[in-house]
Protein backbone atom coordinates (compact mmCIF):
# COMPACT_ATOMS: atom_id res chain seq x y z
CA MET A 1 0.00 0.00 0.00
CA MET A 2 2.85 2.36 0.89
CA LYS A 3 4.54 1.64 -2.47
CA ILE A 4 1.35 2.53 -4.31
CA PHE A 5 1.05 5.77 -2.35
CA ILE A 6 4.68 6.74 -3.03
CA SER A 7 4.24 5.93 -6.71
CA PHE A 8 1.13 8.12 -6.82
CA VAL A 9 2.96 11.04 -5.16
CA MET A 10 5.95 10.74 -7.50
CA THR A 11 3.66 10.65 -10.56
CA PHE A 12 1.74 13.68 -9.27
CA LEU A 13 4.97 15.64 -8.73
CA TRP A 14 6.30 14.66 -12.16
CA ILE A 15 3.09 15.92 -13.79
CA GLN A 16 3.39 19.20 -11.88
CA LEU A 17 7.04 19.68 -12.86
CA SER A 18 6.92 18.38 -16.44
CA PHE A 19 4.44 19.59 -19.02
CA GLY A 20 4.09 20.31 -22.69
CA PHE A 21 3.14 23.49 -24.47
CA GLU A 22 2.26 24.48 -28.00
CA GLY A 23 1.70 27.68 -29.89
CA LYS A 24 1.10 29.14 -33.31
CA TYR A 25 2.41 32.22 -35.08
CA LYS A 26 0.71 33.95 -37.98
CA ALA A 27 1.54 37.19 -39.82
CA LYS A 28 -0.66 38.98 -42.36
CA ASN A 29 2.12 39.58 -44.88
CA PHE A 30 5.86 39.67 -45.58
CA GLU A 31 6.42 43.05 -43.89
CA GLU A 32 4.65 42.03 -40.69
CA ALA A 33 6.67 38.81 -40.50
CA LYS A 34 9.91 40.72 -41.13
CA LYS A 35 9.26 43.37 -38.48
CA ASN A 36 8.24 41.01 -35.67
CA GLU A 37 10.95 41.21 -32.99
CA THR A 38 9.73 38.46 -30.67
CA THR A 39 8.66 35.53 -32.87
CA GLN A 40 10.07 35.02 -36.34
CA LEU A 41 11.37 32.39 -38.76
CA GLN A 42 13.71 33.74 -41.44
CA PHE A 43 15.51 31.99 -44.30
CA VAL A 44 18.26 33.62 -46.38
CA VAL A 45 20.06 32.68 -49.62
CA THR A 46 22.67 34.56 -51.63
CA SER A 47 21.91 35.38 -55.26
CA THR A 48 24.68 36.18 -57.75
CA LYS A 49 23.60 37.90 -60.96
CA VAL A 50 25.61 37.65 -64.18
CA GLY A 51 28.42 36.12 -62.13
CA ILE A 52 29.36 39.47 -60.57
CA PHE A 53 26.78 41.07 -58.29
CA SER A 54 25.81 39.19 -55.11
CA SER A 55 23.06 40.04 -52.67
CA ASP A 56 21.12 38.29 -49.94
CA VAL A 57 17.50 37.35 -50.54
CA ASP A 58 15.58 36.91 -47.32
CA GLY A 59 12.26 35.25 -46.76
CA TYR A 60 9.97 34.63 -43.81
CA ALA A 61 7.44 32.04 -42.76
CA LYS A 62 4.21 33.98 -42.31
CA GLU A 63 2.83 31.03 -40.35
CA PHE A 64 4.28 28.22 -38.24
CA SER A 65 3.40 26.18 -35.18
CA TYR A 66 5.66 24.95 -32.38
CA SER A 67 5.55 22.64 -29.38
CA ALA A 68 7.92 21.30 -26.71
CA GLU A 69 8.13 19.50 -23.40
CA VAL A 70 9.24 21.49 -20.35
CA ASP A 71 10.85 20.20 -17.15
CA SER A 72 10.52 23.18 -14.84
CA LYS A 73 12.47 21.52 -12.02
CA LYS A 74 15.57 21.01 -14.15
CA ASN A 75 14.85 24.16 -16.18
CA ILE A 76 15.14 22.41 -19.55
CA ILE A 77 13.02 21.87 -22.64
CA ASN A 78 12.95 18.72 -24.76
CA ASN A 79 11.74 17.67 -28.19
CA MET A 80 10.96 21.07 -29.61
CA LYS A 81 9.03 20.73 -32.86
CA VAL A 82 8.39 23.43 -35.47
CA VAL A 83 5.98 22.87 -38.37
CA ILE A 84 6.06 25.28 -41.33
CA PRO A 85 3.38 25.29 -44.05
CA VAL A 86 5.29 25.61 -47.33
CA MET A 87 2.75 28.04 -48.78
CA SER A 88 3.38 30.44 -45.87
CA MET A 89 7.02 30.95 -46.96
CA ASP A 90 7.32 34.41 -48.51
CA THR A 91 10.30 36.14 -50.19
CA ASP A 92 8.33 39.23 -51.23
CA GLY A 93 8.63 38.26 -54.88
CA GLU A 94 5.78 36.57 -56.75
CA GLY A 95 7.99 34.77 -59.28
CA ARG A 96 10.48 33.62 -56.61
CA ASP A 97 7.69 32.40 -54.35
CA GLU A 98 6.09 30.41 -57.15
CA LYS A 99 9.41 28.62 -57.80
CA LEU A 100 9.97 28.12 -54.07
CA HIS A 101 6.53 26.60 -53.46
CA ASN A 102 6.29 24.52 -56.64
CA LEU A 103 9.73 23.64 -58.03
CA CYS A 104 11.82 23.64 -54.84
CA LEU A 105 9.40 22.30 -52.23
CA SER A 106 6.56 20.68 -54.23
CA HIS A 107 3.92 21.97 -51.81
CA ASP A 108 1.13 19.95 -53.43
CA LYS A 109 2.87 16.68 -52.43
CA PHE A 110 4.71 17.90 -49.33
CA PRO A 111 2.68 20.73 -47.75
CA THR A 112 4.81 21.17 -44.62
CA ILE A 113 8.41 21.23 -43.39
CA GLU A 114 8.95 19.80 -39.91
CA VAL A 115 11.94 20.43 -37.66
CA LEU A 116 12.52 18.44 -34.48
CA ILE A 117 15.13 19.70 -32.01
CA PRO A 118 15.77 17.11 -29.29
CA GLY A 119 16.71 17.96 -25.68
CA ASN A 120 18.07 18.71 -23.38
CA LEU A 121 18.11 22.47 -23.90
CA PHE A 122 19.00 24.17 -20.64
CA LEU A 123 17.18 27.44 -20.21
CA ASN A 124 20.14 29.65 -19.44
CA LYS A 125 20.19 33.04 -21.17
CA GLY A 126 23.38 33.67 -23.08
CA LYS A 127 24.44 30.02 -23.26
CA THR A 128 24.34 28.61 -26.79
CA ILE A 129 24.52 24.89 -27.49
CA GLU A 130 24.71 22.87 -30.70
CA VAL A 131 22.26 20.02 -31.23
CA LEU A 132 21.63 17.68 -34.13
CA GLY A 133 18.05 18.11 -35.28
CA ASP A 134 15.82 16.25 -37.71
CA VAL A 135 14.36 18.09 -40.70
CA THR A 136 11.54 16.47 -42.69
CA ILE A 137 11.48 18.20 -46.05
CA ARG A 138 10.03 16.99 -49.37
CA GLY A 139 8.97 13.83 -47.53
CA LYS A 140 12.50 12.86 -46.44
CA LYS A 141 14.15 13.11 -43.03
CA LYS A 142 17.50 14.92 -42.98
CA LYS A 143 19.94 15.91 -40.23
CA ALA A 144 20.87 19.51 -39.48
CA VAL A 145 23.05 21.14 -36.83
CA VAL A 146 21.14 23.81 -34.88
CA GLU A 147 22.72 26.44 -32.62
CA ILE A 148 20.12 27.27 -30.00
CA GLN A 149 19.70 29.09 -26.72
CA GLY A 150 16.77 29.56 -24.34
CA ASP A 151 15.68 31.52 -21.32
CA LEU A 152 12.75 31.15 -18.95
CA LYS A 153 11.86 34.13 -16.79
CA ASP A 154 8.62 34.98 -15.01
CA GLY A 155 6.78 32.29 -16.94
CA VAL A 156 7.89 33.57 -20.35
CA LEU A 157 9.97 31.27 -22.54
CA VAL A 158 12.29 32.73 -25.16
CA VAL A 159 14.11 30.42 -27.59
CA SER A 160 16.32 31.54 -30.47
CA GLY A 161 18.75 29.88 -32.81
CA LYS A 162 20.18 29.41 -36.27
CA SER A 163 21.08 26.68 -38.69
CA SER A 164 22.65 26.30 -42.12
CA TRP A 165 21.20 23.92 -44.70
CA SER A 166 22.47 22.79 -48.11
CA LEU A 167 20.15 22.65 -51.12
CA LYS A 168 22.04 19.60 -52.36
CA GLU A 169 22.03 17.74 -49.03
CA MET A 170 18.36 18.51 -48.46
CA GLU A 171 17.64 17.31 -52.02
CA ILE A 172 15.95 20.59 -52.92
CA PRO A 173 15.96 21.33 -56.69
CA ASP A 174 18.16 24.33 -57.52
CA PRO A 175 15.97 27.15 -58.93
CA SER A 176 18.95 29.03 -60.41
CA ILE A 177 18.74 30.41 -63.94
CA ALA A 178 21.57 31.40 -66.29
CA VAL A 179 21.70 35.04 -65.18
CA ALA A 180 21.00 34.46 -61.46
CA LYS A 181 22.76 31.74 -59.49
CA LEU A 182 21.61 30.89 -55.97
CA SER A 183 24.02 29.76 -53.27
CA ASP A 184 23.81 26.16 -52.11
CA GLU A 185 23.63 27.40 -48.51
CA ILE A 186 20.32 28.35 -46.90
CA ARG A 187 20.71 30.23 -43.60
CA ILE A 188 17.90 29.80 -41.08
CA ASN A 189 17.30 32.17 -38.14
CA PHE A 190 14.46 31.82 -35.66
CA LYS A 191 13.13 33.18 -32.40
CA ILE A 192 10.08 32.23 -30.39
CA LYS A 193 8.57 34.00 -27.40
CA HIS A 194 5.84 32.10 -25.57
CA SER A 195 4.06 32.70 -22.27
CA LEU A 196 3.69 29.56 -20.17
CA LYS A 197 1.24 31.23 -17.78
């Protein structure tokens, strides 16, 4: 009887100290997504025109959802998942976006990109760690290194990070044309602010 009671107490405490959360971000347009300073998912490629002039082309996910498990006793989060609808990815250029959605990411067959960042991420502001995450893109699971940091203060969770992906390694068709060559590297930057209250 005592063992059952102890087991019940331990389970109760674990439930109180460990919990999951989820949230969703949505912007009306490219500009709103770009200007958001608390929650944002940005992707950047370099475009070189006529082999001479290079410039960065940035895009933003106007919509994405996220979830994670939190252990408040140990002050860590585990298994953070981010789901991005392909059609929400916006580079502020109609022609570019059409290529991105159709040629590069085949949104009709693969409507979302999913990123899973495993734990344990210690919530310690200013401390950055590298983790190996899973990216499901165009129906295939790929590995990606993610630099990430988190902070939990007064019930508000802030997580930010960056990653670098390769078009070739991710098996994303190259949308380059003769006069405009895109870099193989895609730079990802993200930040999420979420109230746990």
